[in-house]
Amino acid sequence: MKKEFLKYCPNYYHIINFNFQEDDIISMKLVSIYKSCIFQTDFNNEEELKRLINLDKVLSNYIEDYLFRSNLKREILTVRVKKDNNIIKNMVDIIIKIFSDYEEYTTRKIYISKWI
């Protein structure tokens, strides 16, 4: 089991060993959601694997990109989660959506400057 999820989560140790501040509850919860997602994933289900791979990528960016970290912390506080059977799955989908929106917003406008 251990080696199997490491194949899909190359940033696992980087994420779980991230040194966030003690009062940073959001980062603690995100790491907790990440761990829960790993151990709830059915590795035979392609959709769940894709979700796990995306979450691994997103949380790696969360650690590396200060602007994204600030954006995610701000956005996650306004999120409403449906109370159904799988809250972790819903939260992961929301986190991935926030990252997708952030990525689209930050890479949308690229200008080629002209020298006079």
PDB file of N, CA and C in Angstrom:
ATOM      1  N   MET A   1       0.836  -1.198   0.000  1.00  0.00           N
ATOM      2  CA  MET A   1       0.000   0.000   0.000  1.00  0.00           C
ATOM      3  C   MET A   1       0.877   1.257   0.000  1.00  0.00           C
ATOM      4  N   LYS A   2       1.882   1.301   0.854  1.00  0.00           N
ATOM      5  CA  LYS A   2       2.689   2.506   0.985  1.00  0.00           C
ATOM      6  C   LYS A   2       3.366   2.881  -0.332  1.00  0.00           C
ATOM      7  N   LYS A   3       4.014   1.938  -0.950  1.00  0.00           N
ATOM      8  CA  LYS A   3       4.717   2.244  -2.189  1.00  0.00           C
ATOM      9  C   LYS A   3       3.749   2.586  -3.313  1.00  0.00           C
ATOM     10  N   GLU A   4       2.568   2.044  -3.254  1.00  0.00           N
ATOM     11  CA  GLU A   4       1.591   2.311  -4.308  1.00  0.00           C
ATOM     12  C   GLU A   4       1.168   3.777  -4.325  1.00  0.00           C
ATOM     13  N   PHE A   5       0.848   4.352  -3.184  1.00  0.00           N
ATOM     14  CA  PHE A   5       0.412   5.749  -3.190  1.00  0.00           C
ATOM     15  C   PHE A   5       1.574   6.697  -3.431  1.00  0.00           C
ATOM     16  N   LEU A   6       2.795   6.318  -3.068  1.00  0.00           N
ATOM     17  CA  LEU A   6       3.950   7.172  -3.339  1.00  0.00           C
ATOM     18  C   LEU A   6       4.209   7.316  -4.832  1.00  0.00           C
ATOM     19  N   LYS A   7       3.805   6.338  -5.576  1.00  0.00           N
ATOM     20  CA  LYS A   7       3.926   6.404  -7.032  1.00  0.00           C
ATOM     21  C   LYS A   7       3.045   7.519  -7.595  1.00  0.00           C
ATOM     22  N   TYR A   8       1.895   7.751  -6.963  1.00  0.00           N
ATOM     23  CA  TYR A   8       0.949   8.767  -7.430  1.00  0.00           C
ATOM     24  C   TYR A   8       1.112  10.103  -6.706  1.00  0.00           C
ATOM     25  N   CYS A   9       1.802  10.090  -5.604  1.00  0.00           N
ATOM     26  CA  CYS A   9       1.983  11.306  -4.794  1.00  0.00           C
ATOM     27  C   CYS A   9       3.471  11.585  -4.584  1.00  0.00           C
ATOM     28  N   PRO A  10       4.148  12.063  -5.606  1.00  0.00           N
ATOM     29  CA  PRO A  10       5.588  12.283  -5.481  1.00  0.00           C
ATOM     30  C   PRO A  10       5.956  13.379  -4.474  1.00  0.00           C
ATOM     31  N   ASN A  11       4.997  14.212  -4.123  1.00  0.00           N
ATOM     32  CA  ASN A  11       5.261  15.317  -3.191  1.00  0.00           C
ATOM     33  C   ASN A  11       4.813  15.007  -1.766  1.00  0.00           C
ATOM     34  N   TYR A  12       4.520  13.762  -1.490  1.00  0.00           N
ATOM     35  CA  TYR A  12       3.957  13.371  -0.192  1.00  0.00           C
ATOM     36  C   TYR A  12       4.809  13.859   0.978  1.00  0.00           C
ATOM     37  N   TYR A  13       6.090  13.518   0.990  1.00  0.00           N
ATOM     38  CA  TYR A  13       6.943  13.895   2.117  1.00  0.00           C
ATOM     39  C   TYR A  13       7.146  15.401   2.196  1.00  0.00           C
ATOM     40  N   HIS A  14       7.210  16.028   1.065  1.00  0.00           N
ATOM     41  CA  HIS A  14       7.338  17.486   1.020  1.00  0.00           C
ATOM     42  C   HIS A  14       6.108  18.155   1.663  1.00  0.00           C
ATOM     43  N   ILE A  15       4.944  17.594   1.413  1.00  0.00           N
ATOM     44  CA  ILE A  15       3.692  18.161   1.927  1.00  0.00           C
ATOM     45  C   ILE A  15       3.520  17.875   3.418  1.00  0.00           C
ATOM     46  N   ILE A  16       3.685  16.640   3.820  1.00  0.00           N
ATOM     47  CA  ILE A  16       3.425  16.321   5.229  1.00  0.00           C
ATOM     48  C   ILE A  16       4.505  16.868   6.159  1.00  0.00           C
ATOM     49  N   ASN A  17       5.694  17.149   5.626  1.00  0.00           N
ATOM     50  CA  ASN A  17       6.763  17.712   6.447  1.00  0.00           C
ATOM     51  C   ASN A  17       6.845  19.229   6.352  1.00  0.00           C
ATOM     52  N   PHE A  18       5.866  19.834   5.729  1.00  0.00           N
ATOM     53  CA  PHE A  18       5.831  21.289   5.588  1.00  0.00           C
ATOM     54  C   PHE A  18       5.738  21.930   6.974  1.00  0.00           C
ATOM     55  N   ASN A  19       6.640  22.860   7.260  1.00  0.00           N
ATOM     56  CA  ASN A  19       6.660  23.535   8.561  1.00  0.00           C
ATOM     57  C   ASN A  19       5.828  24.803   8.505  1.00  0.00           C
ATOM     58  N   PHE A  20       4.567  24.678   8.840  1.00  0.00           N
ATOM     59  CA  PHE A  20       3.709  25.851   8.889  1.00  0.00           C
ATOM     60  C   PHE A  20       3.663  26.357  10.322  1.00  0.00           C
ATOM     61  N   GLN A  21       3.178  27.561  10.481  1.00  0.00           N
ATOM     62  CA  GLN A  21       3.108  28.146  11.811  1.00  0.00           C
ATOM     63  C   GLN A  21       2.078  27.411  12.662  1.00  0.00           C
ATOM     64  N   GLU A  22       2.292  27.431  13.951  1.00  0.00           N
ATOM     65  CA  GLU A  22       1.413  26.695  14.869  1.00  0.00           C
ATOM     66  C   GLU A  22      -0.028  27.176  14.821  1.00  0.00           C
ATOM     67  N   ASP A  23      -0.232  28.443  14.557  1.00  0.00           N
ATOM     68  CA  ASP A  23      -1.592  28.981  14.528  1.00  0.00           C
ATOM     69  C   ASP A  23      -2.225  28.906  13.130  1.00  0.00           C
ATOM     70  N   ASP A  24      -1.555  28.265  12.198  1.00  0.00           N
ATOM     71  CA  ASP A  24      -2.053  28.131  10.826  1.00  0.00           C
ATOM     72  C   ASP A  24      -2.963  26.902  10.732  1.00  0.00           C
ATOM     73  N   ILE A  25      -4.187  27.064  11.142  1.00  0.00           N
ATOM     74  CA  ILE A  25      -5.155  25.973  11.193  1.00  0.00           C
ATOM     75  C   ILE A  25      -5.514  25.490   9.791  1.00  0.00           C
ATOM     76  N   ILE A  26      -5.591  26.396   8.848  1.00  0.00           N
ATOM     77  CA  ILE A  26      -5.968  26.021   7.481  1.00  0.00           C
ATOM     78  C   ILE A  26      -4.933  25.070   6.880  1.00  0.00           C
ATOM     79  N   SER A  27      -3.660  25.357   7.054  1.00  0.00           N
ATOM     80  CA  SER A  27      -2.621  24.461   6.533  1.00  0.00           C
ATOM     81  C   SER A  27      -2.689  23.094   7.210  1.00  0.00           C
ATOM     82  N   MET A  28      -2.927  23.081   8.505  1.00  0.00           N
ATOM     83  CA  MET A  28      -3.069  21.805   9.216  1.00  0.00           C
ATOM     84  C   MET A  28      -4.236  21.000   8.657  1.00  0.00           C
ATOM     85  N   LYS A  29      -5.350  21.663   8.413  1.00  0.00           N
ATOM     86  CA  LYS A  29      -6.530  20.981   7.869  1.00  0.00           C
ATOM     87  C   LYS A  29      -6.275  20.480   6.451  1.00  0.00           C
ATOM     88  N   LEU A  30      -5.574  21.266   5.643  1.00  0.00           N
ATOM     89  CA  LEU A  30      -5.270  20.842   4.278  1.00  0.00           C
ATOM     90  C   LEU A  30      -4.395  19.588   4.258  1.00  0.00           C
ATOM     91  N   VAL A  31      -3.409  19.544   5.133  1.00  0.00           N
ATOM     92  CA  VAL A  31      -2.561  18.356   5.227  1.00  0.00           C
ATOM     93  C   VAL A  31      -3.384  17.166   5.725  1.00  0.00           C
ATOM     94  N   SER A  32      -4.269  17.412   6.650  1.00  0.00           N
ATOM     95  CA  SER A  32      -5.150  16.358   7.151  1.00  0.00           C
ATOM     96  C   SER A  32      -6.076  15.831   6.044  1.00  0.00           C
ATOM     97  N   ILE A  33      -6.630  16.732   5.256  1.00  0.00           N
ATOM     98  CA  ILE A  33      -7.482  16.338   4.120  1.00  0.00           C
ATOM     99  C   ILE A  33      -6.667  15.527   3.122  1.00  0.00           C
ATOM    100  N   TYR A  34      -5.446  15.959   2.882  1.00  0.00           N
ATOM    101  CA  TYR A  34      -4.548  15.244   1.957  1.00  0.00           C
ATOM    102  C   TYR A  34      -4.324  13.809   2.430  1.00  0.00           C
ATOM    103  N   LYS A  35      -3.983  13.645   3.691  1.00  0.00           N
ATOM    104  CA  LYS A  35      -3.760  12.303   4.240  1.00  0.00           C
ATOM    105  C   LYS A  35      -5.025  11.459   4.158  1.00  0.00           C
ATOM    106  N   SER A  36      -6.154  12.046   4.496  1.00  0.00           N
ATOM    107  CA  SER A  36      -7.423  11.314   4.428  1.00  0.00           C
ATOM    108  C   SER A  36      -7.741  10.898   3.001  1.00  0.00           C
ATOM    109  N   CYS A  37      -7.482  11.783   2.077  1.00  0.00           N
ATOM    110  CA  CYS A  37      -7.744  11.486   0.666  1.00  0.00           C
ATOM    111  C   CYS A  37      -6.889  10.310   0.198  1.00  0.00           C
ATOM    112  N   ILE A  38      -5.648  10.283   0.612  1.00  0.00           N
ATOM    113  CA  ILE A  38      -4.751   9.190   0.218  1.00  0.00           C
ATOM    114  C   ILE A  38      -5.304   7.854   0.699  1.00  0.00           C
ATOM    115  N   PHE A  39      -5.699   7.811   1.950  1.00  0.00           N
ATOM    116  CA  PHE A  39      -6.104   6.536   2.519  1.00  0.00           C
ATOM    117  C   PHE A  39      -7.545   6.162   2.197  1.00  0.00           C
ATOM    118  N   GLN A  40      -8.291   7.081   1.599  1.00  0.00           N
ATOM    119  CA  GLN A  40      -9.649   6.757   1.148  1.00  0.00           C
ATOM    120  C   GLN A  40      -9.689   6.441  -0.348  1.00  0.00           C
ATOM    121  N   THR A  41      -8.580   6.645  -1.035  1.00  0.00           N
ATOM    122  CA  THR A  41      -8.547   6.450  -2.484  1.00  0.00           C
ATOM    123  C   THR A  41      -8.529   4.972  -2.840  1.00  0.00           C
ATOM    124  N   ASP A  42      -9.387   4.631  -3.759  1.00  0.00           N
ATOM    125  CA  ASP A  42      -9.373   3.295  -4.347  1.00  0.00           C
ATOM    126  C   ASP A  42      -8.433   3.356  -5.545  1.00  0.00           C
ATOM    127  N   PHE A  43      -7.307   2.681  -5.461  1.00  0.00           N
ATOM    128  CA  PHE A  43      -6.286   2.778  -6.502  1.00  0.00           C
ATOM    129  C   PHE A  43      -6.686   2.074  -7.793  1.00  0.00           C
ATOM    130  N   ASN A  44      -7.807   1.408  -7.783  1.00  0.00           N
ATOM    131  CA  ASN A  44      -8.325   0.785  -9.002  1.00  0.00           C
ATOM    132  C   ASN A  44      -9.310   1.703  -9.726  1.00  0.00           C
ATOM    133  N   ASN A  45      -9.670   2.787  -9.088  1.00  0.00           N
ATOM    134  CA  ASN A  45     -10.624   3.736  -9.648  1.00  0.00           C
ATOM    135  C   ASN A  45      -9.838   4.896 -10.283  1.00  0.00           C
ATOM    136  N   GLU A  46      -9.938   5.025 -11.580  1.00  0.00           N
ATOM    137  CA  GLU A  46      -9.166   6.032 -12.312  1.00  0.00           C
ATOM    138  C   GLU A  46      -9.538   7.464 -11.909  1.00  0.00           C
ATOM    139  N   GLU A  47     -10.806   7.715 -11.672  1.00  0.00           N
ATOM    140  CA  GLU A  47     -11.258   9.057 -11.280  1.00  0.00           C
ATOM    141  C   GLU A  47     -10.678   9.452  -9.922  1.00  0.00           C
ATOM    142  N   GLU A  48     -10.683   8.537  -8.982  1.00  0.00           N
ATOM    143  CA  GLU A  48     -10.122   8.829  -7.659  1.00  0.00           C
ATOM    144  C   GLU A  48      -8.615   9.033  -7.726  1.00  0.00           C
ATOM    145  N   LEU A  49      -7.951   8.260  -8.559  1.00  0.00           N
ATOM    146  CA  LEU A  49      -6.508   8.433  -8.733  1.00  0.00           C
ATOM    147  C   LEU A  49      -6.176   9.798  -9.324  1.00  0.00           C
ATOM    148  N   LYS A  50      -6.958  10.199 -10.301  1.00  0.00           N
ATOM    149  CA  LYS A  50      -6.758  11.510 -10.925  1.00  0.00           C
ATOM    150  C   LYS A  50      -6.946  12.618  -9.889  1.00  0.00           C
ATOM    151  N   ARG A  51      -7.960  12.474  -9.047  1.00  0.00           N
ATOM    152  CA  ARG A  51      -8.215  13.461  -7.991  1.00  0.00           C
ATOM    153  C   ARG A  51      -7.036  13.523  -7.024  1.00  0.00           C
ATOM    154  N   LEU A  52      -6.499  12.374  -6.648  1.00  0.00           N
ATOM    155  CA  LEU A  52      -5.362  12.321  -5.734  1.00  0.00           C
ATOM    156  C   LEU A  52      -4.122  12.953  -6.351  1.00  0.00           C
ATOM    157  N   ILE A  53      -3.858  12.651  -7.601  1.00  0.00           N
ATOM    158  CA  ILE A  53      -2.694  13.221  -8.302  1.00  0.00           C
ATOM    159  C   ILE A  53      -2.823  14.744  -8.382  1.00  0.00           C
ATOM    160  N   ASN A  54      -4.015  15.226  -8.678  1.00  0.00           N
ATOM    161  CA  ASN A  54      -4.241  16.677  -8.739  1.00  0.00           C
ATOM    162  C   ASN A  54      -4.078  17.323  -7.370  1.00  0.00           C
ATOM    163  N   LEU A  55      -4.581  16.678  -6.341  1.00  0.00           N
ATOM    164  CA  LEU A  55      -4.439  17.230  -4.994  1.00  0.00           C
ATOM    165  C   LEU A  55      -2.966  17.300  -4.600  1.00  0.00           C
ATOM    166  N   ASP A  56      -2.211  16.297  -4.935  1.00  0.00           N
ATOM    167  CA  ASP A  56      -0.780  16.303  -4.650  1.00  0.00           C
ATOM    168  C   ASP A  56      -0.105  17.499  -5.328  1.00  0.00           C
ATOM    169  N   LYS A  57      -0.451  17.734  -6.574  1.00  0.00           N
ATOM    170  CA  LYS A  57       0.100  18.868  -7.323  1.00  0.00           C
ATOM    171  C   LYS A  57      -0.319  20.201  -6.693  1.00  0.00           C
ATOM    172  N   VAL A  58      -1.590  20.303  -6.339  1.00  0.00           N
ATOM    173  CA  VAL A  58      -2.110  21.552  -5.771  1.00  0.00           C
ATOM    174  C   VAL A  58      -1.436  21.871  -4.437  1.00  0.00           C
ATOM    175  N   LEU A  59      -1.318  20.893  -3.569  1.00  0.00           N
ATOM    176  CA  LEU A  59      -0.713  21.169  -2.266  1.00  0.00           C
ATOM    177  C   LEU A  59       0.785  21.427  -2.363  1.00  0.00           C
ATOM    178  N   SER A  60       1.418  20.848  -3.351  1.00  0.00           N
ATOM    179  CA  SER A  60       2.817  21.186  -3.592  1.00  0.00           C
ATOM    180  C   SER A  60       2.938  22.655  -4.002  1.00  0.00           C
ATOM    181  N   ASN A  61       2.039  23.096  -4.859  1.00  0.00           N
ATOM    182  CA  ASN A  61       2.011  24.513  -5.243  1.00  0.00           C
ATOM    183  C   ASN A  61       1.638  25.401  -4.066  1.00  0.00           C
ATOM    184  N   TYR A  62       0.779  24.918  -3.220  1.00  0.00           N
ATOM    185  CA  TYR A  62       0.395  25.653  -2.014  1.00  0.00           C
ATOM    186  C   TYR A  62       1.629  25.947  -1.155  1.00  0.00           C
ATOM    187  N   ILE A  63       2.498  24.984  -1.049  1.00  0.00           N
ATOM    188  CA  ILE A  63       3.714  25.155  -0.249  1.00  0.00           C
ATOM    189  C   ILE A  63       4.705  26.088  -0.936  1.00  0.00           C
ATOM    190  N   GLU A  64       4.836  25.952  -2.226  1.00  0.00           N
ATOM    191  CA  GLU A  64       5.853  26.702  -2.970  1.00  0.00           C
ATOM    192  C   GLU A  64       5.445  28.129  -3.341  1.00  0.00           C
ATOM    193  N   ASP A  65       4.179  28.367  -3.564  1.00  0.00           N
ATOM    194  CA  ASP A  65       3.706  29.640  -4.095  1.00  0.00           C
ATOM    195  C   ASP A  65       2.958  30.426  -3.020  1.00  0.00           C
ATOM    196  N   TYR A  66       3.609  31.469  -2.519  1.00  0.00           N
ATOM    197  CA  TYR A  66       3.006  32.260  -1.452  1.00  0.00           C
ATOM    198  C   TYR A  66       1.692  32.909  -1.883  1.00  0.00           C
ATOM    199  N   LEU A  67       1.625  33.403  -3.113  1.00  0.00           N
ATOM    200  CA  LEU A  67       0.403  34.051  -3.591  1.00  0.00           C
ATOM    201  C   LEU A  67      -0.762  33.058  -3.658  1.00  0.00           C
ATOM    202  N   PHE A  68      -0.474  31.862  -4.128  1.00  0.00           N
ATOM    203  CA  PHE A  68      -1.524  30.853  -4.166  1.00  0.00           C
ATOM    204  C   PHE A  68      -1.948  30.460  -2.747  1.00  0.00           C
ATOM    205  N   ARG A  69      -0.985  30.354  -1.848  1.00  0.00           N
ATOM    206  CA  ARG A  69      -1.305  30.017  -0.459  1.00  0.00           C
ATOM    207  C   ARG A  69      -2.250  31.064   0.140  1.00  0.00           C
ATOM    208  N   SER A  70      -1.956  32.314  -0.087  1.00  0.00           N
ATOM    209  CA  SER A  70      -2.823  33.388   0.418  1.00  0.00           C
ATOM    210  C   SER A  70      -4.201  33.326  -0.221  1.00  0.00           C
ATOM    211  N   ASN A  71      -4.216  33.087  -1.510  1.00  0.00           N
ATOM    212  CA  ASN A  71      -5.478  33.005  -2.238  1.00  0.00           C
ATOM    213  C   ASN A  71      -6.322  31.834  -1.745  1.00  0.00           C
ATOM    214  N   LEU A  72      -5.708  30.682  -1.596  1.00  0.00           N
ATOM    215  CA  LEU A  72      -6.449  29.499  -1.137  1.00  0.00           C
ATOM    216  C   LEU A  72      -6.987  29.701   0.278  1.00  0.00           C
ATOM    217  N   LYS A  73      -6.192  30.266   1.142  1.00  0.00           N
ATOM    218  CA  LYS A  73      -6.655  30.522   2.518  1.00  0.00           C
ATOM    219  C   LYS A  73      -7.858  31.453   2.520  1.00  0.00           C
ATOM    220  N   ARG A  74      -7.820  32.456   1.678  1.00  0.00           N
ATOM    221  CA  ARG A  74      -8.930  33.414   1.601  1.00  0.00           C
ATOM    222  C   ARG A  74     -10.178  32.749   1.010  1.00  0.00           C
ATOM    223  N   GLU A  75      -9.990  32.006  -0.077  1.00  0.00           N
ATOM    224  CA  GLU A  75     -11.114  31.375  -0.777  1.00  0.00           C
ATOM    225  C   GLU A  75     -11.750  30.247   0.035  1.00  0.00           C
ATOM    226  N   ILE A  76     -10.947  29.495   0.733  1.00  0.00           N
ATOM    227  CA  ILE A  76     -11.448  28.322   1.443  1.00  0.00           C
ATOM    228  C   ILE A  76     -12.382  28.726   2.585  1.00  0.00           C
ATOM    229  N   LEU A  77     -12.204  29.921   3.094  1.00  0.00           N
ATOM    230  CA  LEU A  77     -13.062  30.398   4.186  1.00  0.00           C
ATOM    231  C   LEU A  77     -14.478  30.726   3.717  1.00  0.00           C
ATOM    232  N   THR A  78     -14.656  30.940   2.432  1.00  0.00           N
ATOM    233  CA  THR A  78     -15.978  31.294   1.899  1.00  0.00           C
ATOM    234  C   THR A  78     -16.719  30.094   1.318  1.00  0.00           C
ATOM    235  N   VAL A  79     -16.103  28.929   1.377  1.00  0.00           N
ATOM    236  CA  VAL A  79     -16.660  27.736   0.740  1.00  0.00           C
ATOM    237  C   VAL A  79     -17.744  27.104   1.606  1.00  0.00           C
ATOM    238  N   ARG A  80     -18.775  26.649   0.927  1.00  0.00           N
ATOM    239  CA  ARG A  80     -19.834  25.871   1.577  1.00  0.00           C
ATOM    240  C   ARG A  80     -19.743  24.443   1.059  1.00  0.00           C
ATOM    241  N   VAL A  81     -19.691  23.501   1.976  1.00  0.00           N
ATOM    242  CA  VAL A  81     -19.567  22.098   1.594  1.00  0.00           C
ATOM    243  C   VAL A  81     -20.886  21.398   1.862  1.00  0.00           C
ATOM    244  N   LYS A  82     -21.314  20.605   0.895  1.00  0.00           N
ATOM    245  CA  LYS A  82     -22.531  19.826   1.058  1.00  0.00           C
ATOM    246  C   LYS A  82     -22.293  18.729   2.086  1.00  0.00           C
ATOM    247  N   LYS A  83     -23.245  18.540   2.945  1.00  0.00           N
ATOM    248  CA  LYS A  83     -23.131  17.469   3.928  1.00  0.00           C
ATOM    249  C   LYS A  83     -23.710  16.201   3.325  1.00  0.00           C
ATOM    250  N   ASP A  84     -22.821  15.394   2.829  1.00  0.00           N
ATOM    251  CA  ASP A  84     -23.242  14.101   2.299  1.00  0.00           C
ATOM    252  C   ASP A  84     -22.249  13.045   2.773  1.00  0.00           C
ATOM    253  N   ASN A  85     -22.192  11.963   2.083  1.00  0.00           N
ATOM    254  CA  ASN A  85     -21.376  10.840   2.523  1.00  0.00           C
ATOM    255  C   ASN A  85     -19.881  11.111   2.496  1.00  0.00           C
ATOM    256  N   ASN A  86     -19.424  11.912   1.546  1.00  0.00           N
ATOM    257  CA  ASN A  86     -17.991  12.066   1.383  1.00  0.00           C
ATOM    258  C   ASN A  86     -17.563  13.530   1.402  1.00  0.00           C
ATOM    259  N   ILE A  87     -17.388  14.068   2.566  1.00  0.00           N
ATOM    260  CA  ILE A  87     -16.986  15.467   2.732  1.00  0.00           C
ATOM    261  C   ILE A  87     -15.553  15.666   2.229  1.00  0.00           C
ATOM    262  N   ILE A  88     -14.687  14.687   2.463  1.00  0.00           N
ATOM    263  CA  ILE A  88     -13.293  14.793   2.000  1.00  0.00           C
ATOM    264  C   ILE A  88     -13.244  14.943   0.487  1.00  0.00           C
ATOM    265  N   LYS A  89     -13.993  14.133  -0.220  1.00  0.00           N
ATOM    266  CA  LYS A  89     -14.035  14.199  -1.687  1.00  0.00           C
ATOM    267  C   LYS A  89     -14.511  15.582  -2.131  1.00  0.00           C
ATOM    268  N   ASN A  90     -15.551  16.096  -1.491  1.00  0.00           N
ATOM    269  CA  ASN A  90     -16.069  17.417  -1.840  1.00  0.00           C
ATOM    270  C   ASN A  90     -15.026  18.507  -1.580  1.00  0.00           C
ATOM    271  N   MET A  91     -14.333  18.426  -0.460  1.00  0.00           N
ATOM    272  CA  MET A  91     -13.305  19.425  -0.150  1.00  0.00           C
ATOM    273  C   MET A  91     -12.147  19.352  -1.151  1.00  0.00           C
ATOM    274  N   VAL A  92     -11.754  18.160  -1.513  1.00  0.00           N
ATOM    275  CA  VAL A  92     -10.668  18.004  -2.486  1.00  0.00           C
ATOM    276  C   VAL A  92     -11.074  18.614  -3.819  1.00  0.00           C
ATOM    277  N   ASP A  93     -12.295  18.352  -4.241  1.00  0.00           N
ATOM    278  CA  ASP A  93     -12.778  18.929  -5.501  1.00  0.00           C
ATOM    279  C   ASP A  93     -12.789  20.456  -5.438  1.00  0.00           C
ATOM    280  N   ILE A  94     -13.169  21.008  -4.318  1.00  0.00           N
ATOM    281  CA  ILE A  94     -13.185  22.469  -4.153  1.00  0.00           C
ATOM    282  C   ILE A  94     -11.771  23.038  -4.185  1.00  0.00           C
ATOM    283  N   ILE A  95     -10.845  22.384  -3.509  1.00  0.00           N
ATOM    284  CA  ILE A  95      -9.451  22.839  -3.486  1.00  0.00           C
ATOM    285  C   ILE A  95      -8.862  22.809  -4.899  1.00  0.00           C
ATOM    286  N   ILE A  96      -9.134  21.751  -5.625  1.00  0.00           N
ATOM    287  CA  ILE A  96      -8.640  21.635  -7.002  1.00  0.00           C
ATOM    288  C   ILE A  96      -9.268  22.712  -7.885  1.00  0.00           C
ATOM    289  N   LYS A  97     -10.535  22.998  -7.690  1.00  0.00           N
ATOM    290  CA  LYS A  97     -11.229  24.043  -8.456  1.00  0.00           C
ATOM    291  C   LYS A  97     -10.622  25.420  -8.169  1.00  0.00           C
ATOM    292  N   ILE A  98     -10.340  25.692  -6.911  1.00  0.00           N
ATOM    293  CA  ILE A  98      -9.718  26.975  -6.542  1.00  0.00           C
ATOM    294  C   ILE A  98      -8.355  27.104  -7.228  1.00  0.00           C
ATOM    295  N   PHE A  99      -7.588  26.031  -7.242  1.00  0.00           N
ATOM    296  CA  PHE A  99      -6.291  26.066  -7.900  1.00  0.00           C
ATOM    297  C   PHE A  99      -6.436  26.275  -9.402  1.00  0.00           C
ATOM    298  N   SER A 100      -7.389  25.599  -9.984  1.00  0.00           N
ATOM    299  CA  SER A 100      -7.629  25.736 -11.418  1.00  0.00           C
ATOM    300  C   SER A 100      -7.991  27.177 -11.769  1.00  0.00           C
ATOM    301  N   ASP A 101      -8.851  27.777 -10.976  1.00  0.00           N
ATOM    302  CA  ASP A 101      -9.223  29.181 -11.192  1.00  0.00           C
ATOM    303  C   ASP A 101      -8.015  30.105 -11.010  1.00  0.00           C
ATOM    304  N   TYR A 102      -7.224  29.838 -10.002  1.00  0.00           N
ATOM    305  CA  TYR A 102      -6.034  30.642  -9.749  1.00  0.00           C
ATOM    306  C   TYR A 102      -5.049  30.541 -10.910  1.00  0.00           C
ATOM    307  N   GLU A 103      -4.827  29.317 -11.369  1.00  0.00           N
ATOM    308  CA  GLU A 103      -3.898  29.088 -12.464  1.00  0.00           C
ATOM    309  C   GLU A 103      -4.374  29.786 -13.735  1.00  0.00           C
ATOM    310  N   GLU A 104      -5.649  29.687 -14.002  1.00  0.00           N
ATOM    311  CA  GLU A 104      -6.212  30.338 -15.181  1.00  0.00           C
ATOM    312  C   GLU A 104      -6.079  31.855 -15.070  1.00  0.00           C
ATOM    313  N   TYR A 105      -6.356  32.398 -13.904  1.00  0.00           N
ATOM    314  CA  TYR A 105      -6.287  33.840 -13.697  1.00  0.00           C
ATOM    315  C   TYR A 105      -4.851  34.364 -13.821  1.00  0.00           C
ATOM    316  N   THR A 106      -3.892  33.636 -13.254  1.00  0.00           N
ATOM    317  CA  THR A 106      -2.511  34.129 -13.247  1.00  0.00           C
ATOM    318  C   THR A 106      -1.798  33.931 -14.569  1.00  0.00           C
ATOM    319  N   THR A 107      -2.294  33.027 -15.410  1.00  0.00           N
ATOM    320  CA  THR A 107      -1.616  32.792 -16.687  1.00  0.00           C
ATOM    321  C   THR A 107      -2.400  33.309 -17.887  1.00  0.00           C
ATOM    322  N   ARG A 108      -3.536  33.914 -17.643  1.00  0.00           N
ATOM    323  CA  ARG A 108      -4.397  34.343 -18.740  1.00  0.00           C
ATOM    324  C   ARG A 108      -3.800  35.494 -19.537  1.00  0.00           C
ATOM    325  N   LYS A 109      -3.337  36.526 -18.875  1.00  0.00           N
ATOM    326  CA  LYS A 109      -2.873  37.717 -19.575  1.00  0.00           C
ATOM    327  C   LYS A 109      -1.349  37.730 -19.654  1.00  0.00           C
ATOM    328  N   ILE A 110      -0.888  37.457 -20.829  1.00  0.00           N
ATOM    329  CA  ILE A 110       0.544  37.523 -21.098  1.00  0.00           C
ATOM    330  C   ILE A 110       0.733  38.517 -22.243  1.00  0.00           C
ATOM    331  N   TYR A 111       1.495  39.534 -21.954  1.00  0.00           N
ATOM    332  CA  TYR A 111       1.725  40.568 -22.961  1.00  0.00           C
ATOM    333  C   TYR A 111       3.163  40.491 -23.451  1.00  0.00           C
ATOM    334  N   ILE A 112       3.317  40.736 -24.717  1.00  0.00           N
ATOM    335  CA  ILE A 112       4.653  40.826 -25.293  1.00  0.00           C
ATOM    336  C   ILE A 112       4.982  42.312 -25.355  1.00  0.00           C
ATOM    337  N   SER A 113       6.004  42.668 -24.644  1.00  0.00           N
ATOM    338  CA  SER A 113       6.352  44.087 -24.623  1.00  0.00           C
ATOM    339  C   SER A 113       7.075  44.475 -25.897  1.00  0.00           C
ATOM    340  N   LYS A 114       6.888  45.686 -26.300  1.00  0.00           N
ATOM    341  CA  LYS A 114       7.553  46.222 -27.483  1.00  0.00           C
ATOM    342  C   LYS A 114       8.554  47.275 -27.050  1.00  0.00           C
ATOM    343  N   TRP A 115       9.703  47.166 -27.616  1.00  0.00           N
ATOM    344  CA  TRP A 115      10.725  48.172 -27.330  1.00  0.00           C
ATOM    345  C   TRP A 115      10.619  49.294 -28.338  1.00  0.00           C
ATOM    346  N   ILE A 116      10.722  50.465 -27.870  1.00  0.00           N
ATOM    347  CA  ILE A 116      10.626  51.631 -28.738  1.00  0.00           C
ATOM    348  C   ILE A 116      11.979  51.990 -29.307  1.00  0.00           C
TER     349      ILE A 116
END
